[in-house]
Amino acid sequence: MSLYDDAVLVLKGYEDQEELRQAYLDHLEAHPDGMWKSCHAGHITASALVIDPEEGRVLLTLHRKLRMWLQMGGHCEPEDGTLAAAALREASEESGVTGLTLLPGGPVRLDRHPIPPPCHCHFDVQYAVVAPAGAVHEISDESLDLRWFAYDEVKDVADDSVVRLLEATRARL
């Protein structure tokens, strides 16, 4: 199965945010290349919130280009077999944490947001991953900083999309 086919199946099975979910599916139907960064009309991305439920905290990255505290994530790559695998890969690469595990149940949220040209938007499929006890993180080239935040601190440092992702993740836990 191709990554495109996996994305369609994942989105068809996602039961929340009906209007936005349908916009993702419509975009993929109109753009067979909609999984890739080269699709300038917009493309699917995969992200994951790194969470440590035992300590009540999340790991956020200060994104190098956007200069915002965000969850880990980014573009799908040809070697990604599934959207979930892409999200897990991105979280592992950007956090440096080994032993991350996907929170069961598929995507936690969807978030469509504009991006600077030449592309127009990211159709982000957002997952959550659980960090193992005592997780050690390491800043990647894509980050200016990487830091653990208590759940109640997130609203003070991150935008509403990250706050909503944290709320949805905590509800699933």
N, C-alpha and C. Protein backbone atom coordinates (compact mmCIF):
# COMPACT_ATOMS: atom_id res chain seq x y z
N MET A 1 0.85 -1.18 0.00
CA MET A 1 0.00 0.00 0.00
C MET A 1 0.90 1.24 0.00
N SER A 2 0.53 2.21 -0.77
CA SER A 2 1.31 3.45 -0.84
C SER A 2 0.99 4.36 0.35
N LEU A 3 1.86 5.31 0.56
CA LEU A 3 1.63 6.29 1.63
C LEU A 3 0.35 7.08 1.35
N TYR A 4 0.12 7.41 0.08
CA TYR A 4 -1.11 8.10 -0.32
C TYR A 4 -2.34 7.27 0.10
N ASP A 5 -2.32 5.97 -0.24
CA ASP A 5 -3.45 5.09 0.10
C ASP A 5 -3.63 5.00 1.61
N ASP A 6 -2.52 4.91 2.35
CA ASP A 6 -2.61 4.88 3.80
C ASP A 6 -3.25 6.16 4.33
N ALA A 7 -2.83 7.30 3.79
CA ALA A 7 -3.39 8.58 4.25
C ALA A 7 -4.90 8.63 4.02
N VAL A 8 -5.34 8.18 2.87
CA VAL A 8 -6.78 8.17 2.58
C VAL A 8 -7.51 7.28 3.58
N LEU A 9 -6.98 6.09 3.83
CA LEU A 9 -7.61 5.18 4.79
C LEU A 9 -7.63 5.77 6.20
N VAL A 10 -6.52 6.36 6.61
CA VAL A 10 -6.45 6.97 7.94
C VAL A 10 -7.48 8.08 8.06
N LEU A 11 -7.56 8.92 7.06
CA LEU A 11 -8.49 10.04 7.11
C LEU A 11 -9.94 9.57 7.05
N LYS A 12 -10.23 8.55 6.25
CA LYS A 12 -11.60 8.02 6.21
C LYS A 12 -12.00 7.42 7.55
N GLY A 13 -11.03 6.88 8.29
CA GLY A 13 -11.31 6.29 9.57
C GLY A 13 -11.32 7.27 10.74
N TYR A 14 -10.82 8.48 10.50
CA TYR A 14 -10.79 9.49 11.55
C TYR A 14 -12.19 10.04 11.75
N GLU A 15 -12.68 10.03 12.99
CA GLU A 15 -14.09 10.32 13.23
C GLU A 15 -14.39 11.72 13.75
N ASP A 16 -13.38 12.55 13.94
CA ASP A 16 -13.61 13.89 14.45
C ASP A 16 -13.39 14.93 13.34
N GLN A 17 -13.70 16.17 13.63
CA GLN A 17 -13.44 17.29 12.73
C GLN A 17 -13.90 16.98 11.29
N GLU A 18 -15.14 16.61 11.17
CA GLU A 18 -15.70 16.11 9.91
C GLU A 18 -15.44 17.04 8.72
N GLU A 19 -15.70 18.33 8.88
CA GLU A 19 -15.52 19.25 7.74
C GLU A 19 -14.06 19.34 7.32
N LEU A 20 -13.18 19.43 8.28
CA LEU A 20 -11.75 19.51 7.98
C LEU A 20 -11.25 18.18 7.40
N ARG A 21 -11.69 17.09 7.96
CA ARG A 21 -11.32 15.76 7.45
C ARG A 21 -11.71 15.64 5.98
N GLN A 22 -12.89 16.09 5.64
CA GLN A 22 -13.35 16.02 4.25
C GLN A 22 -12.51 16.93 3.35
N ALA A 23 -12.09 18.08 3.86
CA ALA A 23 -11.22 18.97 3.09
C ALA A 23 -9.89 18.29 2.77
N TYR A 24 -9.36 17.53 3.73
CA TYR A 24 -8.12 16.77 3.49
C TYR A 24 -8.34 15.74 2.38
N LEU A 25 -9.45 14.99 2.49
CA LEU A 25 -9.74 13.97 1.48
C LEU A 25 -9.97 14.60 0.11
N ASP A 26 -10.67 15.72 0.06
CA ASP A 26 -10.90 16.42 -1.22
C ASP A 26 -9.58 16.89 -1.81
N HIS A 27 -8.69 17.37 -0.96
CA HIS A 27 -7.38 17.83 -1.44
C HIS A 27 -6.60 16.67 -2.05
N LEU A 28 -6.58 15.54 -1.38
CA LEU A 28 -5.86 14.38 -1.91
C LEU A 28 -6.48 13.89 -3.21
N GLU A 29 -7.79 13.91 -3.29
CA GLU A 29 -8.46 13.47 -4.53
C GLU A 29 -8.08 14.40 -5.69
N ALA A 30 -7.99 15.69 -5.42
CA ALA A 30 -7.66 16.66 -6.47
C ALA A 30 -6.16 16.70 -6.77
N HIS A 31 -5.34 16.22 -5.83
CA HIS A 31 -3.88 16.31 -5.99
C HIS A 31 -3.23 14.96 -5.66
N PRO A 32 -3.06 14.11 -6.66
CA PRO A 32 -2.42 12.81 -6.41
C PRO A 32 -1.01 12.94 -5.82
N ASP A 33 -0.40 14.11 -5.97
CA ASP A 33 0.93 14.36 -5.38
C ASP A 33 0.82 15.09 -4.04
N GLY A 34 -0.36 15.11 -3.45
CA GLY A 34 -0.64 15.89 -2.24
C GLY A 34 0.04 15.39 -0.98
N MET A 35 0.80 14.31 -1.07
CA MET A 35 1.56 13.83 0.08
C MET A 35 2.94 14.49 0.16
N TRP A 36 3.35 15.15 -0.89
CA TRP A 36 4.74 15.57 -1.02
C TRP A 36 4.92 17.08 -1.00
N LYS A 37 6.04 17.49 -0.48
CA LYS A 37 6.41 18.91 -0.37
C LYS A 37 6.35 19.61 -1.73
N SER A 38 6.57 18.86 -2.80
CA SER A 38 6.56 19.44 -4.14
C SER A 38 5.17 19.87 -4.60
N CYS A 39 4.12 19.47 -3.90
CA CYS A 39 2.76 19.87 -4.26
C CYS A 39 2.51 21.27 -3.69
N HIS A 40 2.63 22.27 -4.54
CA HIS A 40 2.55 23.66 -4.09
C HIS A 40 1.15 24.12 -3.72
N ALA A 41 0.14 23.32 -4.06
CA ALA A 41 -1.22 23.65 -3.65
C ALA A 41 -1.43 23.33 -2.17
N GLY A 42 -0.47 22.64 -1.59
CA GLY A 42 -0.54 22.21 -0.20
C GLY A 42 -0.26 20.73 -0.12
N HIS A 43 0.17 20.28 1.03
CA HIS A 43 0.51 18.86 1.16
C HIS A 43 0.30 18.38 2.59
N ILE A 44 0.12 17.06 2.68
CA ILE A 44 -0.06 16.41 3.96
C ILE A 44 1.28 16.42 4.72
N THR A 45 1.22 16.72 6.00
CA THR A 45 2.38 16.59 6.88
C THR A 45 1.96 15.71 8.05
N ALA A 46 2.96 15.22 8.77
CA ALA A 46 2.69 14.37 9.94
C ALA A 46 3.45 14.93 11.13
N SER A 47 2.77 15.06 12.24
CA SER A 47 3.43 15.57 13.44
C SER A 47 3.02 14.73 14.64
N ALA A 48 3.77 14.91 15.73
CA ALA A 48 3.47 14.16 16.94
C ALA A 48 3.85 14.98 18.17
N LEU A 49 2.95 15.02 19.10
CA LEU A 49 3.21 15.64 20.39
C LEU A 49 3.89 14.60 21.28
N VAL A 50 5.09 14.92 21.75
CA VAL A 50 5.83 14.03 22.65
C VAL A 50 5.34 14.32 24.07
N ILE A 51 4.78 13.30 24.70
CA ILE A 51 4.16 13.48 26.00
C ILE A 51 4.76 12.51 27.02
N ASP A 52 4.89 12.98 28.23
CA ASP A 52 5.35 12.17 29.36
C ASP A 52 4.24 12.22 30.41
N PRO A 53 3.26 11.30 30.32
CA PRO A 53 2.12 11.35 31.23
C PRO A 53 2.49 11.16 32.70
N GLU A 54 3.53 10.39 32.97
CA GLU A 54 3.93 10.18 34.37
C GLU A 54 4.38 11.46 35.04
N GLU A 55 5.04 12.33 34.28
CA GLU A 55 5.53 13.60 34.81
C GLU A 55 4.59 14.78 34.50
N GLY A 56 3.53 14.54 33.69
CA GLY A 56 2.59 15.60 33.35
C GLY A 56 3.22 16.70 32.52
N ARG A 57 3.95 16.28 31.48
CA ARG A 57 4.67 17.27 30.67
C ARG A 57 4.74 16.85 29.22
N VAL A 58 5.05 17.85 28.36
CA VAL A 58 5.24 17.61 26.93
C VAL A 58 6.56 18.24 26.49
N LEU A 59 7.13 17.65 25.45
CA LEU A 59 8.38 18.15 24.90
C LEU A 59 8.06 18.95 23.64
N LEU A 60 8.43 20.23 23.63
CA LEU A 60 8.19 21.09 22.47
C LEU A 60 9.51 21.56 21.89
N THR A 61 9.47 21.86 20.60
CA THR A 61 10.64 22.37 19.91
C THR A 61 10.42 23.83 19.55
N LEU A 62 11.45 24.63 19.71
CA LEU A 62 11.41 26.01 19.23
C LEU A 62 11.88 25.95 17.78
N HIS A 63 10.92 26.00 16.88
CA HIS A 63 11.17 25.79 15.45
C HIS A 63 12.12 26.85 14.91
N ARG A 64 13.13 26.39 14.21
CA ARG A 64 14.18 27.29 13.70
C ARG A 64 13.62 28.37 12.76
N LYS A 65 12.77 27.99 11.82
CA LYS A 65 12.25 28.96 10.84
C LYS A 65 11.10 29.80 11.39
N LEU A 66 10.19 29.13 12.09
CA LEU A 66 8.98 29.82 12.54
C LEU A 66 9.15 30.54 13.88
N ARG A 67 10.18 30.15 14.63
CA ARG A 67 10.44 30.75 15.94
C ARG A 67 9.22 30.66 16.86
N MET A 68 8.62 29.47 16.85
CA MET A 68 7.45 29.18 17.68
C MET A 68 7.68 27.83 18.37
N TRP A 69 7.10 27.68 19.58
CA TRP A 69 7.14 26.39 20.26
C TRP A 69 6.06 25.51 19.66
N LEU A 70 6.47 24.37 19.11
CA LEU A 70 5.56 23.47 18.41
C LEU A 70 5.84 22.02 18.78
N GLN A 71 4.91 21.15 18.40
CA GLN A 71 5.16 19.71 18.47
C GLN A 71 6.15 19.34 17.36
N MET A 72 6.71 18.16 17.45
CA MET A 72 7.63 17.70 16.41
C MET A 72 6.82 17.33 15.17
N GLY A 73 7.41 17.52 13.99
CA GLY A 73 6.70 17.09 12.80
C GLY A 73 7.27 17.67 11.54
N GLY A 74 6.74 17.22 10.43
CA GLY A 74 7.21 17.74 9.16
C GLY A 74 6.72 16.95 7.97
N HIS A 75 7.49 17.02 6.91
CA HIS A 75 7.09 16.45 5.63
C HIS A 75 7.23 14.93 5.61
N CYS A 76 6.36 14.32 4.85
CA CYS A 76 6.45 12.88 4.62
C CYS A 76 7.62 12.61 3.67
N GLU A 77 8.23 11.46 3.85
CA GLU A 77 9.37 11.06 3.03
C GLU A 77 9.00 9.78 2.29
N PRO A 78 9.65 9.54 1.14
CA PRO A 78 9.33 8.33 0.36
C PRO A 78 9.46 7.03 1.14
N GLU A 79 10.36 6.98 2.13
CA GLU A 79 10.54 5.75 2.90
C GLU A 79 9.48 5.55 3.98
N ASP A 80 8.63 6.54 4.22
CA ASP A 80 7.56 6.40 5.21
C ASP A 80 6.47 5.49 4.64
N GLY A 81 6.22 4.39 5.32
CA GLY A 81 5.18 3.47 4.86
C GLY A 81 3.78 3.91 5.24
N THR A 82 3.67 4.66 6.34
CA THR A 82 2.37 5.11 6.82
C THR A 82 2.50 6.51 7.39
N LEU A 83 1.37 7.18 7.55
CA LEU A 83 1.38 8.49 8.21
C LEU A 83 1.86 8.36 9.65
N ALA A 84 1.43 7.31 10.33
CA ALA A 84 1.86 7.09 11.71
C ALA A 84 3.37 6.92 11.78
N ALA A 85 3.94 6.18 10.83
CA ALA A 85 5.39 5.99 10.79
C ALA A 85 6.11 7.31 10.52
N ALA A 86 5.53 8.14 9.68
CA ALA A 86 6.12 9.46 9.39
C ALA A 86 6.12 10.32 10.66
N ALA A 87 5.01 10.32 11.38
CA ALA A 87 4.92 11.11 12.62
C ALA A 87 5.92 10.60 13.66
N LEU A 88 6.03 9.29 13.80
CA LEU A 88 6.97 8.71 14.75
C LEU A 88 8.41 9.03 14.35
N ARG A 89 8.73 8.94 13.06
CA ARG A 89 10.07 9.27 12.57
C ARG A 89 10.40 10.72 12.88
N GLU A 90 9.48 11.63 12.55
CA GLU A 90 9.71 13.05 12.79
C GLU A 90 9.93 13.33 14.29
N ALA A 91 9.10 12.72 15.13
CA ALA A 91 9.23 12.94 16.58
C ALA A 91 10.58 12.43 17.08
N SER A 92 10.98 11.27 16.60
CA SER A 92 12.27 10.70 17.03
C SER A 92 13.44 11.54 16.54
N GLU A 93 13.41 11.94 15.26
CA GLU A 93 14.50 12.74 14.69
C GLU A 93 14.63 14.09 15.38
N GLU A 94 13.51 14.76 15.58
CA GLU A 94 13.55 16.13 16.09
C GLU A 94 13.75 16.20 17.60
N SER A 95 13.38 15.14 18.31
CA SER A 95 13.54 15.16 19.77
C SER A 95 14.81 14.47 20.23
N GLY A 96 15.31 13.56 19.41
CA GLY A 96 16.46 12.76 19.83
C GLY A 96 16.11 11.70 20.86
N VAL A 97 14.83 11.58 21.20
CA VAL A 97 14.39 10.61 22.20
C VAL A 97 14.24 9.24 21.54
N THR A 98 14.84 8.23 22.15
CA THR A 98 14.66 6.87 21.66
C THR A 98 13.57 6.18 22.48
N GLY A 99 12.90 5.24 21.84
CA GLY A 99 11.87 4.48 22.53
C GLY A 99 10.51 5.13 22.58
N LEU A 100 10.25 6.12 21.73
CA LEU A 100 8.93 6.72 21.67
C LEU A 100 7.93 5.68 21.15
N THR A 101 6.71 5.72 21.67
CA THR A 101 5.65 4.83 21.18
C THR A 101 4.42 5.66 20.84
N LEU A 102 3.78 5.31 19.74
CA LEU A 102 2.57 6.01 19.33
C LEU A 102 1.45 5.76 20.32
N LEU A 103 0.71 6.80 20.64
CA LEU A 103 -0.50 6.65 21.44
C LEU A 103 -1.52 5.92 20.56
N PRO A 104 -2.10 4.83 21.02
CA PRO A 104 -3.05 4.08 20.19
C PRO A 104 -4.26 4.92 19.78
N GLY A 105 -4.87 4.51 18.68
CA GLY A 105 -6.10 5.14 18.24
C GLY A 105 -5.97 6.03 17.03
N GLY A 106 -4.79 6.09 16.43
CA GLY A 106 -4.61 6.90 15.22
C GLY A 106 -4.41 8.37 15.54
N PRO A 107 -4.67 9.21 14.55
CA PRO A 107 -4.45 10.65 14.74
C PRO A 107 -5.28 11.19 15.90
N VAL A 108 -4.70 12.20 16.57
CA VAL A 108 -5.40 12.85 17.68
C VAL A 108 -6.19 14.04 17.16
N ARG A 109 -5.61 14.76 16.18
CA ARG A 109 -6.27 15.95 15.61
C ARG A 109 -5.77 16.16 14.19
N LEU A 110 -6.48 17.06 13.51
CA LEU A 110 -6.05 17.60 12.21
C LEU A 110 -5.89 19.10 12.39
N ASP A 111 -4.90 19.66 11.69
CA ASP A 111 -4.71 21.11 11.75
C ASP A 111 -4.19 21.60 10.40
N ARG A 112 -5.01 22.36 9.71
CA ARG A 112 -4.61 22.95 8.42
C ARG A 112 -4.17 24.38 8.68
N HIS A 113 -2.96 24.72 8.21
CA HIS A 113 -2.44 26.06 8.46
C HIS A 113 -1.65 26.57 7.25
N PRO A 114 -1.72 27.88 7.02
CA PRO A 114 -0.98 28.46 5.89
C PRO A 114 0.52 28.43 6.15
N ILE A 115 1.28 28.34 5.08
CA ILE A 115 2.74 28.39 5.16
C ILE A 115 3.25 29.36 4.11
N PRO A 116 4.47 29.84 4.28
CA PRO A 116 5.03 30.80 3.30
C PRO A 116 5.19 30.17 1.92
N PRO A 117 5.14 30.99 0.86
CA PRO A 117 5.33 30.49 -0.50
C PRO A 117 6.68 29.78 -0.63
N PRO A 118 6.79 28.84 -1.57
CA PRO A 118 5.93 28.65 -2.73
C PRO A 118 4.69 27.82 -2.46
N CYS A 119 4.64 27.10 -1.32
CA CYS A 119 3.46 26.30 -1.02
C CYS A 119 2.40 27.18 -0.39
N HIS A 120 1.22 26.63 -0.22
CA HIS A 120 0.12 27.41 0.33
C HIS A 120 -0.31 26.96 1.72
N CYS A 121 -0.30 25.64 1.95
CA CYS A 121 -0.70 25.21 3.29
C CYS A 121 -0.22 23.80 3.59
N HIS A 122 -0.18 23.52 4.88
CA HIS A 122 0.08 22.18 5.38
C HIS A 122 -1.24 21.60 5.87
N PHE A 123 -1.49 20.38 5.49
CA PHE A 123 -2.63 19.61 5.99
C PHE A 123 -2.03 18.64 7.01
N ASP A 124 -1.87 19.11 8.25
CA ASP A 124 -1.14 18.35 9.25
C ASP A 124 -2.03 17.30 9.90
N VAL A 125 -1.53 16.06 9.92
CA VAL A 125 -2.18 14.96 10.63
C VAL A 125 -1.39 14.78 11.91
N GLN A 126 -2.04 15.03 13.04
CA GLN A 126 -1.34 15.12 14.32
C GLN A 126 -1.57 13.88 15.18
N TYR A 127 -0.47 13.28 15.58
CA TYR A 127 -0.46 12.12 16.46
C TYR A 127 0.10 12.54 17.81
N ALA A 128 0.14 11.59 18.73
CA ALA A 128 0.83 11.78 20.01
C ALA A 128 1.71 10.55 20.23
N VAL A 129 2.87 10.79 20.81
CA VAL A 129 3.78 9.70 21.16
C VAL A 129 4.14 9.82 22.63
N VAL A 130 4.28 8.67 23.26
CA VAL A 130 4.60 8.63 24.68
C VAL A 130 6.10 8.41 24.84
N ALA A 131 6.72 9.26 25.64
CA ALA A 131 8.15 9.15 25.93
C ALA A 131 8.36 8.12 27.04
N PRO A 132 9.44 7.35 26.94
CA PRO A 132 9.73 6.40 28.02
C PRO A 132 10.19 7.14 29.28
N ALA A 133 10.09 6.49 30.40
CA ALA A 133 10.55 7.08 31.66
C ALA A 133 12.02 7.46 31.54
N GLY A 134 12.35 8.65 32.04
CA GLY A 134 13.74 9.12 32.01
C GLY A 134 14.24 9.50 30.62
N ALA A 135 13.34 9.80 29.71
CA ALA A 135 13.72 10.12 28.33
C ALA A 135 14.74 11.27 28.29
N VAL A 136 15.74 11.08 27.46
CA VAL A 136 16.76 12.11 27.25
C VAL A 136 16.56 12.68 25.85
N HIS A 137 16.49 14.00 25.76
CA HIS A 137 16.29 14.62 24.45
C HIS A 137 17.57 15.28 23.97
N GLU A 138 17.59 15.53 22.64
CA GLU A 138 18.76 16.16 22.01
C GLU A 138 18.27 17.07 20.89
N ILE A 139 18.72 18.31 20.89
CA ILE A 139 18.28 19.30 19.91
C ILE A 139 18.78 18.91 18.52
N SER A 140 17.88 18.98 17.55
CA SER A 140 18.24 18.69 16.16
C SER A 140 18.57 19.99 15.44
N ASP A 141 19.02 19.87 14.19
CA ASP A 141 19.33 21.05 13.38
C ASP A 141 18.10 21.89 13.07
N GLU A 142 16.91 21.31 13.22
CA GLU A 142 15.68 22.02 12.89
C GLU A 142 15.18 22.88 14.04
N SER A 143 15.82 22.77 15.19
CA SER A 143 15.35 23.46 16.39
C SER A 143 16.34 24.48 16.90
N LEU A 144 15.80 25.53 17.49
CA LEU A 144 16.62 26.48 18.24
C LEU A 144 16.74 26.03 19.69
N ASP A 145 15.70 25.33 20.16
CA ASP A 145 15.68 24.85 21.54
C ASP A 145 14.69 23.69 21.61
N LEU A 146 14.81 22.93 22.65
CA LEU A 146 13.94 21.79 22.90
C LEU A 146 13.75 21.74 24.41
N ARG A 147 12.49 21.71 24.85
CA ARG A 147 12.27 21.85 26.28
C ARG A 147 10.99 21.14 26.72
N TRP A 148 11.04 20.57 27.92
CA TRP A 148 9.85 20.00 28.53
C TRP A 148 9.04 21.12 29.18
N PHE A 149 7.72 21.06 28.99
CA PHE A 149 6.80 22.01 29.61
C PHE A 149 5.72 21.23 30.35
N ALA A 150 5.40 21.68 31.56
CA ALA A 150 4.27 21.11 32.28
C ALA A 150 3.00 21.41 31.48
N TYR A 151 2.02 20.54 31.61
CA TYR A 151 0.77 20.73 30.86
C TYR A 151 0.24 22.15 30.97
N ASP A 152 0.21 22.70 32.17
CA ASP A 152 -0.38 24.02 32.36
C ASP A 152 0.50 25.16 31.85
N GLU A 153 1.74 24.89 31.48
CA GLU A 153 2.61 25.93 30.91
C GLU A 153 2.45 26.09 29.40
N VAL A 154 1.89 25.09 28.75
CA VAL A 154 1.83 25.08 27.28
C VAL A 154 1.06 26.28 26.75
N LYS A 155 -0.04 26.61 27.39
CA LYS A 155 -0.85 27.74 26.90
C LYS A 155 -0.09 29.07 26.94
N ASP A 156 0.94 29.15 27.76
CA ASP A 156 1.72 30.39 27.87
C ASP A 156 2.84 30.49 26.84
N VAL A 157 3.21 29.39 26.21
CA VAL A 157 4.34 29.42 25.28
C VAL A 157 3.97 29.05 23.85
N ALA A 158 2.90 28.29 23.67
CA ALA A 158 2.56 27.77 22.33
C ALA A 158 1.25 28.38 21.82
N ASP A 159 1.02 28.21 20.53
CA ASP A 159 -0.21 28.74 19.94
C ASP A 159 -1.40 27.80 20.22
N ASP A 160 -2.58 28.24 19.80
CA ASP A 160 -3.80 27.50 20.10
C ASP A 160 -3.81 26.09 19.50
N SER A 161 -3.16 25.90 18.35
CA SER A 161 -3.16 24.56 17.75
C SER A 161 -2.45 23.55 18.64
N VAL A 162 -1.37 23.96 19.28
CA VAL A 162 -0.64 23.06 20.18
C VAL A 162 -1.45 22.84 21.46
N VAL A 163 -2.10 23.87 21.94
CA VAL A 163 -2.95 23.73 23.14
C VAL A 163 -4.09 22.75 22.85
N ARG A 164 -4.73 22.87 21.69
CA ARG A 164 -5.82 21.95 21.33
C ARG A 164 -5.29 20.51 21.18
N LEU A 165 -4.10 20.36 20.61
CA LEU A 165 -3.50 19.03 20.46
C LEU A 165 -3.22 18.42 21.83
N LEU A 166 -2.71 19.20 22.75
CA LEU A 166 -2.47 18.70 24.11
C LEU A 166 -3.79 18.31 24.78
N GLU A 167 -4.80 19.13 24.65
CA GLU A 167 -6.11 18.81 25.26
C GLU A 167 -6.67 17.51 24.70
N ALA A 168 -6.59 17.35 23.39
CA ALA A 168 -7.11 16.13 22.75
C ALA A 168 -6.29 14.90 23.16
N THR A 169 -4.99 15.08 23.29
CA THR A 169 -4.12 13.98 23.71
C THR A 169 -4.43 13.58 25.14
N ARG A 170 -4.57 14.53 26.01
CA ARG A 170 -4.88 14.23 27.42
C ARG A 170 -6.24 13.55 27.53
N ALA A 171 -7.20 13.95 26.70
CA ALA A 171 -8.52 13.30 26.74
C ALA A 171 -8.41 11.83 26.30
N ARG A 172 -7.51 11.55 25.37
CA ARG A 172 -7.34 10.18 24.90
C ARG A 172 -6.61 9.32 25.94
N LEU A 173 -5.71 9.95 26.70
CA LEU A 173 -4.99 9.18 27.73
C LEU A 173 -5.98 8.64 28.75
